[in-house]
Amino acid sequence: MRDVEVTCAGCGTTILKPSAEVRRQRKRNPDREFFCSMHCYAVHRGHVNLGTHLGRGNVSILRAGNRQDEFSPFRYFLLKARCRNVGTNLDLRYLQHLWAEQGGRCQVSGLRLALPRNSLEWERRTHDPWKPSLDRIDSSRGYFKGNVRFVAVIANLARHRFSDEELVTFCRAVVAMAGGRHPPASDPP
């Protein structure tokens, strides 16, 4: 791909742009101006804050103080479910209801889970096996209402694509070994 020299409409410096992109842009708009940076664009167009111009950076819609709402703890789970590209119909209200219905407990172990206040706290707890994770009950289906539950991260990682029964069989063998007993001689079903 060849580059072509164009002049920045803001500061006048010469910059290199892909020739195909310049042709495409000028075909759509023959008067198209090119800029060396977003700063030059903002200064040349008279915008003090490019984010404000683009409609970003408006925090007035958020609650003052901690800038969190009742759904903040569940935004991380919804984002991750949407990013998996396996389909989802979840919403924040459903996740909040599911959490309350489970009583904040892991559905595999029954252990109490500590719900992070927000996505940032969830990300910071990288080595915490007891933080909550959104698990698909049937791994062949997407993140749909009725097919998800909250479990501890360690349970979700151990289960992966296996059934709950297979996970329990494995955990019993681990407990037997930890107690100095050998697991049953028969292999798992």
N, C-alpha and C. Protein backbone atom coordinates (compact mmCIF):
# COMPACT_ATOMS: atom_id res chain seq x y z
N MET A 1 0.85 -1.17 0.00
CA MET A 1 0.00 0.00 0.00
C MET A 1 0.90 1.24 0.00
N ARG A 2 0.62 2.16 -0.90
CA ARG A 2 1.42 3.37 -1.00
C ARG A 2 0.84 4.46 -0.12
N ASP A 3 1.73 5.29 0.38
CA ASP A 3 1.32 6.46 1.15
C ASP A 3 1.46 7.69 0.27
N VAL A 4 0.65 8.69 0.56
CA VAL A 4 0.70 9.94 -0.17
C VAL A 4 0.85 11.06 0.85
N GLU A 5 1.55 12.11 0.46
CA GLU A 5 1.74 13.25 1.35
C GLU A 5 0.55 14.19 1.26
N VAL A 6 0.03 14.57 2.43
CA VAL A 6 -1.04 15.57 2.50
C VAL A 6 -0.62 16.60 3.54
N THR A 7 -1.20 17.77 3.44
CA THR A 7 -0.87 18.85 4.38
C THR A 7 -1.93 18.92 5.46
N CYS A 8 -1.48 19.01 6.71
CA CYS A 8 -2.39 19.15 7.84
C CYS A 8 -3.08 20.51 7.73
N ALA A 9 -4.40 20.50 7.78
CA ALA A 9 -5.18 21.74 7.67
C ALA A 9 -5.08 22.58 8.94
N GLY A 10 -4.56 22.01 10.01
CA GLY A 10 -4.44 22.74 11.26
C GLY A 10 -3.12 23.46 11.39
N CYS A 11 -2.01 22.71 11.29
CA CYS A 11 -0.70 23.31 11.53
C CYS A 11 0.15 23.45 10.27
N GLY A 12 -0.28 22.85 9.17
CA GLY A 12 0.44 23.01 7.91
C GLY A 12 1.57 22.03 7.69
N THR A 13 1.80 21.10 8.61
CA THR A 13 2.87 20.11 8.42
C THR A 13 2.46 19.08 7.40
N THR A 14 3.45 18.45 6.78
CA THR A 14 3.20 17.40 5.80
C THR A 14 3.13 16.07 6.54
N ILE A 15 2.10 15.31 6.23
CA ILE A 15 1.92 14.01 6.87
C ILE A 15 1.67 12.96 5.80
N LEU A 16 1.95 11.70 6.12
CA LEU A 16 1.73 10.60 5.20
C LEU A 16 0.42 9.89 5.57
N LYS A 17 -0.40 9.66 4.56
CA LYS A 17 -1.66 8.94 4.73
C LYS A 17 -1.73 7.88 3.64
N PRO A 18 -2.38 6.76 3.89
CA PRO A 18 -2.54 5.74 2.83
C PRO A 18 -3.30 6.33 1.64
N SER A 19 -2.75 6.13 0.45
CA SER A 19 -3.34 6.74 -0.74
C SER A 19 -4.78 6.27 -0.96
N ALA A 20 -5.07 5.02 -0.68
CA ALA A 20 -6.43 4.52 -0.86
C ALA A 20 -7.40 5.25 0.06
N GLU A 21 -6.97 5.54 1.27
CA GLU A 21 -7.83 6.24 2.23
C GLU A 21 -8.07 7.68 1.77
N VAL A 22 -7.04 8.33 1.27
CA VAL A 22 -7.20 9.71 0.79
C VAL A 22 -8.16 9.74 -0.39
N ARG A 23 -8.01 8.81 -1.32
CA ARG A 23 -8.92 8.74 -2.47
C ARG A 23 -10.35 8.48 -2.01
N ARG A 24 -10.54 7.56 -1.10
CA ARG A 24 -11.87 7.23 -0.60
C ARG A 24 -12.52 8.44 0.08
N GLN A 25 -11.77 9.13 0.92
CA GLN A 25 -12.31 10.29 1.63
C GLN A 25 -12.64 11.43 0.66
N ARG A 26 -11.77 11.66 -0.31
CA ARG A 26 -12.01 12.76 -1.26
C ARG A 26 -13.11 12.43 -2.25
N LYS A 27 -13.35 11.15 -2.48
CA LYS A 27 -14.46 10.76 -3.34
C LYS A 27 -15.78 11.10 -2.65
N ARG A 28 -15.84 10.87 -1.34
CA ARG A 28 -17.04 11.19 -0.57
C ARG A 28 -17.21 12.69 -0.37
N ASN A 29 -16.06 13.39 -0.21
CA ASN A 29 -16.09 14.82 0.05
C ASN A 29 -14.85 15.44 -0.59
N PRO A 30 -14.98 16.07 -1.76
CA PRO A 30 -13.82 16.63 -2.46
C PRO A 30 -13.09 17.71 -1.64
N ASP A 31 -13.79 18.36 -0.70
CA ASP A 31 -13.17 19.41 0.12
C ASP A 31 -12.62 18.86 1.43
N ARG A 32 -12.46 17.57 1.56
CA ARG A 32 -12.03 16.93 2.81
C ARG A 32 -10.67 17.46 3.23
N GLU A 33 -10.60 17.86 4.51
CA GLU A 33 -9.33 18.31 5.09
C GLU A 33 -8.77 17.18 5.95
N PHE A 34 -7.46 17.08 5.97
CA PHE A 34 -6.79 16.07 6.79
C PHE A 34 -6.01 16.78 7.89
N PHE A 35 -5.90 16.12 9.03
CA PHE A 35 -5.20 16.68 10.18
C PHE A 35 -4.17 15.69 10.70
N CYS A 36 -3.10 16.24 11.28
CA CYS A 36 -2.03 15.38 11.79
C CYS A 36 -2.40 14.75 13.13
N SER A 37 -3.34 15.35 13.87
CA SER A 37 -3.73 14.82 15.17
C SER A 37 -5.12 15.33 15.53
N MET A 38 -5.71 14.73 16.56
CA MET A 38 -7.01 15.20 17.04
C MET A 38 -6.88 16.59 17.64
N HIS A 39 -5.72 16.88 18.21
CA HIS A 39 -5.49 18.20 18.79
C HIS A 39 -5.56 19.28 17.70
N CYS A 40 -4.87 19.04 16.58
CA CYS A 40 -4.92 20.01 15.47
C CYS A 40 -6.34 20.17 14.96
N TYR A 41 -7.07 19.08 14.86
CA TYR A 41 -8.46 19.15 14.43
C TYR A 41 -9.26 20.03 15.38
N ALA A 42 -9.11 19.80 16.68
CA ALA A 42 -9.88 20.56 17.67
C ALA A 42 -9.52 22.05 17.65
N VAL A 43 -8.24 22.34 17.58
CA VAL A 43 -7.80 23.74 17.57
C VAL A 43 -8.28 24.43 16.29
N HIS A 44 -8.14 23.76 15.15
CA HIS A 44 -8.53 24.34 13.88
C HIS A 44 -10.04 24.57 13.80
N ARG A 45 -10.81 23.67 14.35
CA ARG A 45 -12.26 23.78 14.31
C ARG A 45 -12.81 24.66 15.44
N GLY A 46 -11.95 25.08 16.35
CA GLY A 46 -12.39 25.97 17.43
C GLY A 46 -13.02 25.25 18.61
N HIS A 47 -12.76 23.96 18.75
CA HIS A 47 -13.30 23.20 19.88
C HIS A 47 -12.30 23.21 21.03
N VAL A 48 -12.76 23.58 22.19
CA VAL A 48 -11.88 23.58 23.36
C VAL A 48 -11.69 22.16 23.85
N ASN A 49 -12.76 21.39 23.87
CA ASN A 49 -12.70 20.02 24.35
C ASN A 49 -13.35 19.13 23.31
N LEU A 50 -12.54 18.34 22.63
CA LEU A 50 -13.06 17.48 21.56
C LEU A 50 -14.05 16.47 22.12
N GLY A 51 -13.82 15.98 23.32
CA GLY A 51 -14.75 15.02 23.93
C GLY A 51 -16.13 15.62 24.11
N THR A 52 -16.19 16.87 24.55
CA THR A 52 -17.48 17.54 24.71
C THR A 52 -18.14 17.72 23.35
N HIS A 53 -17.35 18.09 22.34
CA HIS A 53 -17.88 18.27 21.00
C HIS A 53 -18.50 16.97 20.47
N LEU A 54 -17.88 15.84 20.80
CA LEU A 54 -18.37 14.55 20.32
C LEU A 54 -19.47 13.99 21.22
N GLY A 55 -19.84 14.71 22.28
CA GLY A 55 -20.90 14.24 23.16
C GLY A 55 -20.41 13.32 24.25
N ARG A 56 -19.11 13.28 24.45
CA ARG A 56 -18.54 12.44 25.50
C ARG A 56 -18.09 13.33 26.64
N GLY A 57 -17.89 12.73 27.78
CA GLY A 57 -17.35 13.47 28.91
C GLY A 57 -18.38 14.23 29.70
N ASN A 58 -19.67 13.96 29.48
CA ASN A 58 -20.71 14.65 30.22
C ASN A 58 -21.06 13.83 31.45
N VAL A 59 -20.50 14.20 32.60
CA VAL A 59 -20.73 13.44 33.83
C VAL A 59 -21.92 13.97 34.61
N SER A 60 -22.60 14.97 34.09
CA SER A 60 -23.73 15.54 34.82
C SER A 60 -24.88 14.55 34.95
N ILE A 61 -24.92 13.54 34.07
CA ILE A 61 -26.01 12.57 34.14
C ILE A 61 -25.78 11.52 35.23
N LEU A 62 -24.55 11.45 35.75
CA LEU A 62 -24.25 10.48 36.80
C LEU A 62 -24.52 11.07 38.17
N ARG A 63 -24.81 10.20 39.13
CA ARG A 63 -25.07 10.63 40.48
C ARG A 63 -23.79 11.19 41.11
N ALA A 64 -23.91 12.32 41.77
CA ALA A 64 -22.75 12.95 42.39
C ALA A 64 -22.20 12.05 43.49
N GLY A 65 -20.98 12.25 43.86
CA GLY A 65 -20.36 11.43 44.90
C GLY A 65 -19.55 10.32 44.26
N ASN A 66 -20.02 9.11 44.38
CA ASN A 66 -19.25 7.99 43.86
C ASN A 66 -19.55 7.68 42.40
N ARG A 67 -20.50 8.35 41.81
CA ARG A 67 -20.85 8.18 40.40
C ARG A 67 -21.24 6.73 40.09
N GLN A 68 -21.88 6.08 41.04
CA GLN A 68 -22.34 4.71 40.85
C GLN A 68 -23.84 4.66 41.09
N ASP A 69 -24.45 3.62 40.58
CA ASP A 69 -25.87 3.43 40.84
C ASP A 69 -26.10 2.00 41.32
N GLU A 70 -27.34 1.61 41.47
CA GLU A 70 -27.67 0.29 41.99
C GLU A 70 -27.23 -0.84 41.07
N PHE A 71 -26.99 -0.54 39.80
CA PHE A 71 -26.61 -1.56 38.84
C PHE A 71 -25.10 -1.64 38.61
N SER A 72 -24.32 -0.75 39.22
CA SER A 72 -22.87 -0.73 39.00
C SER A 72 -22.20 -2.07 39.22
N PRO A 73 -22.56 -2.84 40.26
CA PRO A 73 -21.89 -4.13 40.46
C PRO A 73 -22.15 -5.13 39.34
N PHE A 74 -23.18 -4.93 38.55
CA PHE A 74 -23.57 -5.91 37.54
C PHE A 74 -23.14 -5.53 36.12
N ARG A 75 -22.63 -4.33 35.93
CA ARG A 75 -22.24 -3.88 34.60
C ARG A 75 -21.11 -4.73 34.01
N TYR A 76 -20.17 -5.14 34.85
CA TYR A 76 -19.06 -5.96 34.39
C TYR A 76 -19.57 -7.27 33.80
N PHE A 77 -20.49 -7.93 34.50
CA PHE A 77 -21.00 -9.21 34.04
C PHE A 77 -21.76 -9.07 32.72
N LEU A 78 -22.53 -8.01 32.58
CA LEU A 78 -23.27 -7.79 31.34
C LEU A 78 -22.32 -7.52 30.18
N LEU A 79 -21.29 -6.72 30.42
CA LEU A 79 -20.30 -6.43 29.39
C LEU A 79 -19.60 -7.70 28.94
N LYS A 80 -19.17 -8.51 29.89
CA LYS A 80 -18.47 -9.75 29.53
C LYS A 80 -19.38 -10.71 28.77
N ALA A 81 -20.65 -10.80 29.17
CA ALA A 81 -21.59 -11.67 28.47
C ALA A 81 -21.77 -11.21 27.03
N ARG A 82 -21.84 -9.92 26.81
CA ARG A 82 -22.03 -9.39 25.46
C ARG A 82 -20.79 -9.57 24.60
N CYS A 83 -19.62 -9.56 25.22
CA CYS A 83 -18.36 -9.67 24.46
C CYS A 83 -18.06 -11.10 24.02
N ARG A 84 -18.72 -12.08 24.58
CA ARG A 84 -18.42 -13.48 24.28
C ARG A 84 -18.92 -13.94 22.92
N ASN A 85 -19.80 -13.18 22.30
CA ASN A 85 -20.35 -13.52 20.98
C ASN A 85 -21.01 -14.89 20.94
N VAL A 86 -21.73 -15.23 22.02
CA VAL A 86 -22.48 -16.48 22.03
C VAL A 86 -23.97 -16.21 22.19
N GLY A 87 -24.36 -14.95 22.15
CA GLY A 87 -25.75 -14.56 22.27
C GLY A 87 -26.14 -14.28 23.71
N THR A 88 -26.96 -13.25 23.90
CA THR A 88 -27.42 -12.91 25.24
C THR A 88 -28.71 -12.10 25.14
N ASN A 89 -29.52 -12.25 26.17
CA ASN A 89 -30.71 -11.39 26.32
C ASN A 89 -30.76 -10.84 27.74
N LEU A 90 -29.62 -10.84 28.42
CA LEU A 90 -29.54 -10.38 29.80
C LEU A 90 -29.65 -8.87 29.87
N ASP A 91 -30.09 -8.37 31.01
CA ASP A 91 -30.09 -6.95 31.29
C ASP A 91 -29.70 -6.75 32.75
N LEU A 92 -29.41 -5.53 33.11
CA LEU A 92 -28.93 -5.23 34.47
C LEU A 92 -29.96 -5.58 35.54
N ARG A 93 -31.20 -5.30 35.28
CA ARG A 93 -32.25 -5.59 36.27
C ARG A 93 -32.35 -7.10 36.52
N TYR A 94 -32.22 -7.91 35.46
CA TYR A 94 -32.28 -9.37 35.61
C TYR A 94 -31.10 -9.86 36.46
N LEU A 95 -29.90 -9.36 36.18
CA LEU A 95 -28.73 -9.78 36.95
C LEU A 95 -28.87 -9.39 38.42
N GLN A 96 -29.39 -8.22 38.68
CA GLN A 96 -29.61 -7.78 40.06
C GLN A 96 -30.62 -8.71 40.74
N HIS A 97 -31.69 -9.06 40.05
CA HIS A 97 -32.70 -9.96 40.60
C HIS A 97 -32.11 -11.35 40.85
N LEU A 98 -31.32 -11.85 39.91
CA LEU A 98 -30.69 -13.17 40.04
C LEU A 98 -29.78 -13.22 41.25
N TRP A 99 -28.99 -12.16 41.45
CA TRP A 99 -28.10 -12.08 42.60
C TRP A 99 -28.90 -12.15 43.91
N ALA A 100 -29.97 -11.38 43.98
CA ALA A 100 -30.81 -11.36 45.19
C ALA A 100 -31.47 -12.72 45.39
N GLU A 101 -31.92 -13.34 44.32
CA GLU A 101 -32.57 -14.65 44.39
C GLU A 101 -31.62 -15.71 44.92
N GLN A 102 -30.35 -15.63 44.54
CA GLN A 102 -29.34 -16.58 45.01
C GLN A 102 -28.83 -16.23 46.40
N GLY A 103 -29.21 -15.10 46.92
CA GLY A 103 -28.76 -14.70 48.25
C GLY A 103 -27.27 -14.39 48.31
N GLY A 104 -26.68 -14.06 47.16
CA GLY A 104 -25.25 -13.75 47.12
C GLY A 104 -24.37 -14.96 47.34
N ARG A 105 -24.90 -16.15 47.05
CA ARG A 105 -24.15 -17.39 47.27
C ARG A 105 -23.85 -18.08 45.94
N CYS A 106 -22.72 -18.79 45.94
CA CYS A 106 -22.32 -19.59 44.78
C CYS A 106 -23.31 -20.74 44.63
N GLN A 107 -23.83 -20.95 43.44
CA GLN A 107 -24.80 -22.00 43.21
C GLN A 107 -24.18 -23.39 43.13
N VAL A 108 -22.87 -23.49 43.08
CA VAL A 108 -22.21 -24.79 43.05
C VAL A 108 -21.77 -25.20 44.46
N SER A 109 -21.17 -24.26 45.20
CA SER A 109 -20.61 -24.59 46.52
C SER A 109 -21.45 -24.11 47.70
N GLY A 110 -22.30 -23.13 47.47
CA GLY A 110 -23.08 -22.55 48.56
C GLY A 110 -22.32 -21.50 49.36
N LEU A 111 -21.08 -21.23 48.99
CA LEU A 111 -20.28 -20.22 49.69
C LEU A 111 -20.82 -18.82 49.40
N ARG A 112 -20.71 -17.94 50.40
CA ARG A 112 -21.12 -16.55 50.22
C ARG A 112 -20.07 -15.84 49.37
N LEU A 113 -20.53 -15.09 48.39
CA LEU A 113 -19.65 -14.35 47.48
C LEU A 113 -19.74 -12.87 47.79
N ALA A 114 -18.64 -12.17 47.62
CA ALA A 114 -18.61 -10.72 47.83
C ALA A 114 -18.73 -10.03 46.48
N LEU A 115 -19.84 -9.35 46.28
CA LEU A 115 -20.09 -8.66 45.02
C LEU A 115 -19.25 -7.39 44.95
N PRO A 116 -18.41 -7.24 43.93
CA PRO A 116 -17.62 -6.02 43.78
C PRO A 116 -18.55 -4.81 43.61
N ARG A 117 -18.09 -3.64 44.06
CA ARG A 117 -18.90 -2.43 43.95
C ARG A 117 -19.06 -1.98 42.51
N ASN A 118 -18.04 -2.27 41.67
CA ASN A 118 -18.06 -1.82 40.29
C ASN A 118 -17.10 -2.67 39.46
N SER A 119 -17.03 -2.39 38.17
CA SER A 119 -16.19 -3.17 37.27
C SER A 119 -14.72 -3.05 37.62
N LEU A 120 -14.30 -1.87 38.03
CA LEU A 120 -12.89 -1.66 38.37
C LEU A 120 -12.47 -2.55 39.54
N GLU A 121 -13.30 -2.63 40.55
CA GLU A 121 -12.97 -3.49 41.69
C GLU A 121 -12.91 -4.95 41.27
N TRP A 122 -13.79 -5.36 40.38
CA TRP A 122 -13.77 -6.75 39.90
C TRP A 122 -12.44 -7.03 39.21
N GLU A 123 -12.00 -6.11 38.36
CA GLU A 123 -10.74 -6.29 37.64
C GLU A 123 -9.53 -6.30 38.57
N ARG A 124 -9.58 -5.53 39.63
CA ARG A 124 -8.45 -5.46 40.57
C ARG A 124 -8.29 -6.74 41.38
N ARG A 125 -9.35 -7.47 41.56
CA ARG A 125 -9.30 -8.71 42.34
C ARG A 125 -8.91 -9.88 41.44
N THR A 126 -7.77 -9.75 40.77
CA THR A 126 -7.37 -10.73 39.76
C THR A 126 -7.10 -12.11 40.32
N HIS A 127 -6.54 -12.22 41.51
CA HIS A 127 -6.17 -13.52 42.06
C HIS A 127 -7.11 -13.96 43.17
N ASP A 128 -8.36 -13.56 43.08
CA ASP A 128 -9.35 -13.90 44.09
C ASP A 128 -10.26 -15.01 43.54
N PRO A 129 -10.06 -16.26 43.98
CA PRO A 129 -10.89 -17.35 43.45
C PRO A 129 -12.32 -17.33 43.96
N TRP A 130 -12.60 -16.48 44.95
CA TRP A 130 -13.93 -16.45 45.57
C TRP A 130 -14.80 -15.31 45.07
N LYS A 131 -14.33 -14.54 44.11
CA LYS A 131 -15.18 -13.47 43.59
C LYS A 131 -16.23 -14.09 42.67
N PRO A 132 -17.37 -13.42 42.50
CA PRO A 132 -18.44 -14.00 41.68
C PRO A 132 -18.11 -13.99 40.19
N SER A 133 -18.68 -14.96 39.51
CA SER A 133 -18.52 -15.10 38.08
C SER A 133 -19.87 -15.53 37.51
N LEU A 134 -20.18 -15.09 36.32
CA LEU A 134 -21.44 -15.46 35.69
C LEU A 134 -21.21 -16.73 34.88
N ASP A 135 -21.91 -17.80 35.24
CA ASP A 135 -21.72 -19.12 34.65
C ASP A 135 -22.93 -19.49 33.81
N ARG A 136 -22.66 -20.08 32.64
CA ARG A 136 -23.75 -20.63 31.83
C ARG A 136 -24.03 -22.05 32.31
N ILE A 137 -25.25 -22.34 32.65
CA ILE A 137 -25.62 -23.68 33.13
C ILE A 137 -25.41 -24.69 32.01
N ASP A 138 -25.88 -24.40 30.83
CA ASP A 138 -25.66 -25.23 29.64
C ASP A 138 -24.67 -24.46 28.77
N SER A 139 -23.43 -24.94 28.74
CA SER A 139 -22.36 -24.22 28.04
C SER A 139 -22.56 -24.17 26.53
N SER A 140 -23.42 -25.00 25.99
CA SER A 140 -23.64 -24.98 24.55
C SER A 140 -24.59 -23.85 24.14
N ARG A 141 -25.26 -23.25 25.12
CA ARG A 141 -26.16 -22.13 24.85
C ARG A 141 -25.50 -20.82 25.30
N GLY A 142 -26.06 -19.72 24.89
CA GLY A 142 -25.51 -18.40 25.23
C GLY A 142 -25.91 -17.95 26.62
N TYR A 143 -25.64 -16.68 26.89
CA TYR A 143 -25.97 -16.06 28.17
C TYR A 143 -27.42 -15.57 28.12
N PHE A 144 -28.34 -16.51 28.35
CA PHE A 144 -29.75 -16.20 28.28
C PHE A 144 -30.39 -16.32 29.66
N LYS A 145 -31.46 -15.59 29.84
CA LYS A 145 -32.20 -15.67 31.10
C LYS A 145 -32.60 -17.12 31.34
N GLY A 146 -32.36 -17.60 32.53
CA GLY A 146 -32.65 -18.99 32.87
C GLY A 146 -31.48 -19.92 32.61
N ASN A 147 -30.47 -19.47 31.90
CA ASN A 147 -29.30 -20.30 31.62
C ASN A 147 -28.04 -19.77 32.30
N VAL A 148 -28.19 -18.81 33.19
CA VAL A 148 -27.02 -18.26 33.90
C VAL A 148 -27.23 -18.30 35.40
N ARG A 149 -26.12 -18.30 36.10
CA ARG A 149 -26.14 -18.27 37.57
C ARG A 149 -24.82 -17.68 38.03
N PHE A 150 -24.80 -17.19 39.25
CA PHE A 150 -23.57 -16.68 39.83
C PHE A 150 -22.88 -17.82 40.58
N VAL A 151 -21.60 -18.00 40.30
CA VAL A 151 -20.77 -18.99 40.99
C VAL A 151 -19.43 -18.33 41.33
N ALA A 152 -18.65 -18.97 42.17
CA ALA A 152 -17.30 -18.49 42.45
C ALA A 152 -16.44 -18.71 41.21
N VAL A 153 -15.47 -17.84 40.98
CA VAL A 153 -14.59 -17.96 39.82
C VAL A 153 -13.94 -19.33 39.78
N ILE A 154 -13.50 -19.82 40.93
CA ILE A 154 -12.82 -21.11 40.97
C ILE A 154 -13.74 -22.23 40.49
N ALA A 155 -15.03 -22.15 40.82
CA ALA A 155 -15.99 -23.16 40.35
C ALA A 155 -16.20 -23.04 38.85
N ASN A 156 -16.27 -21.83 38.36
CA ASN A 156 -16.48 -21.61 36.93
C ASN A 156 -15.28 -22.11 36.13
N LEU A 157 -14.09 -21.84 36.61
CA LEU A 157 -12.89 -22.30 35.91
C LEU A 157 -12.77 -23.82 35.97
N ALA A 158 -13.07 -24.40 37.11
CA ALA A 158 -12.96 -25.86 37.25
C ALA A 158 -14.03 -26.56 36.40
N ARG A 159 -15.20 -26.00 36.33
CA ARG A 159 -16.31 -26.63 35.62
C ARG A 159 -16.11 -26.52 34.11
N HIS A 160 -15.71 -25.36 33.65
CA HIS A 160 -15.50 -25.08 32.23
C HIS A 160 -16.68 -25.59 31.41
N ARG A 161 -16.51 -26.67 30.67
CA ARG A 161 -17.58 -27.20 29.83
C ARG A 161 -18.16 -28.51 30.38
N PHE A 162 -17.76 -28.84 31.60
CA PHE A 162 -18.23 -30.08 32.19
C PHE A 162 -19.54 -29.87 32.94
N SER A 163 -20.17 -30.96 33.31
CA SER A 163 -21.42 -30.87 34.06
C SER A 163 -21.13 -30.68 35.54
N ASP A 164 -22.16 -30.29 36.29
CA ASP A 164 -22.01 -30.15 37.74
C ASP A 164 -21.64 -31.48 38.37
N GLU A 165 -22.21 -32.55 37.88
CA GLU A 165 -21.94 -33.88 38.43
C GLU A 165 -20.47 -34.26 38.26
N GLU A 166 -19.92 -33.97 37.08
CA GLU A 166 -18.50 -34.27 36.84
C GLU A 166 -17.61 -33.43 37.76
N LEU A 167 -17.99 -32.19 38.00
CA LEU A 167 -17.23 -31.33 38.89
C LEU A 167 -17.29 -31.86 40.32
N VAL A 168 -18.46 -32.29 40.78
CA VAL A 168 -18.61 -32.83 42.13
C VAL A 168 -17.79 -34.10 42.30
N THR A 169 -17.80 -34.98 41.30
CA THR A 169 -16.99 -36.21 41.35
C THR A 169 -15.52 -35.87 41.51
N PHE A 170 -15.06 -34.91 40.76
CA PHE A 170 -13.66 -34.48 40.85
C PHE A 170 -13.36 -33.90 42.23
N CYS A 171 -14.25 -33.03 42.73
CA CYS A 171 -14.02 -32.40 44.04
C CYS A 171 -13.99 -33.43 45.16
N ARG A 172 -14.81 -34.45 45.07
CA ARG A 172 -14.79 -35.53 46.09
C ARG A 172 -13.44 -36.24 46.07
N ALA A 173 -12.90 -36.47 44.88
CA ALA A 173 -11.59 -37.11 44.77
C ALA A 173 -10.50 -36.22 45.37
N VAL A 174 -10.60 -34.91 45.16
CA VAL A 174 -9.63 -33.96 45.73
C VAL A 174 -9.71 -33.99 47.25
N VAL A 175 -10.92 -33.99 47.80
CA VAL A 175 -11.11 -34.02 49.25
C VAL A 175 -10.55 -35.31 49.82
N ALA A 176 -10.79 -36.42 49.14
CA ALA A 176 -10.28 -37.71 49.62
C ALA A 176 -8.76 -37.71 49.65
N MET A 177 -8.14 -37.18 48.63
CA MET A 177 -6.66 -37.11 48.59
C MET A 177 -6.12 -36.18 49.66
N ALA A 178 -6.79 -35.06 49.88
CA ALA A 178 -6.34 -34.10 50.89
C ALA A 178 -6.46 -34.69 52.29
N GLY A 179 -7.41 -35.59 52.49
CA GLY A 179 -7.61 -36.23 53.79
C GLY A 179 -6.74 -37.46 53.99
N GLY A 180 -5.85 -37.75 53.05
CA GLY A 180 -4.96 -38.89 53.18
C GLY A 180 -5.59 -40.19 52.70
N ARG A 181 -6.79 -40.12 52.21
CA ARG A 181 -7.45 -41.31 51.68
C ARG A 181 -7.32 -41.28 50.17
N HIS A 182 -7.26 -42.43 49.62
CA HIS A 182 -7.23 -42.50 48.17
C HIS A 182 -8.65 -42.55 47.63
N PRO A 183 -8.89 -41.90 46.52
CA PRO A 183 -10.24 -41.93 45.94
C PRO A 183 -10.59 -43.35 45.54
N PRO A 184 -11.85 -43.60 45.28
CA PRO A 184 -12.27 -44.95 44.87
C PRO A 184 -11.46 -45.42 43.67
N ALA A 185 -11.21 -46.72 43.63
CA ALA A 185 -10.38 -47.29 42.56
C ALA A 185 -11.04 -47.18 41.20
N SER A 186 -12.35 -47.07 41.17
CA SER A 186 -13.02 -46.99 39.87
C SER A 186 -12.83 -45.61 39.27
N ASP A 187 -12.72 -45.58 37.98
CA ASP A 187 -12.61 -44.31 37.27
C ASP A 187 -13.95 -43.63 37.24
N PRO A 188 -13.96 -42.32 37.06
CA PRO A 188 -15.24 -41.59 36.95
C PRO A 188 -16.04 -42.14 35.80
N PRO A 189 -17.37 -42.02 35.89
CA PRO A 189 -18.23 -42.54 34.80
C PRO A 189 -17.93 -41.86 33.49
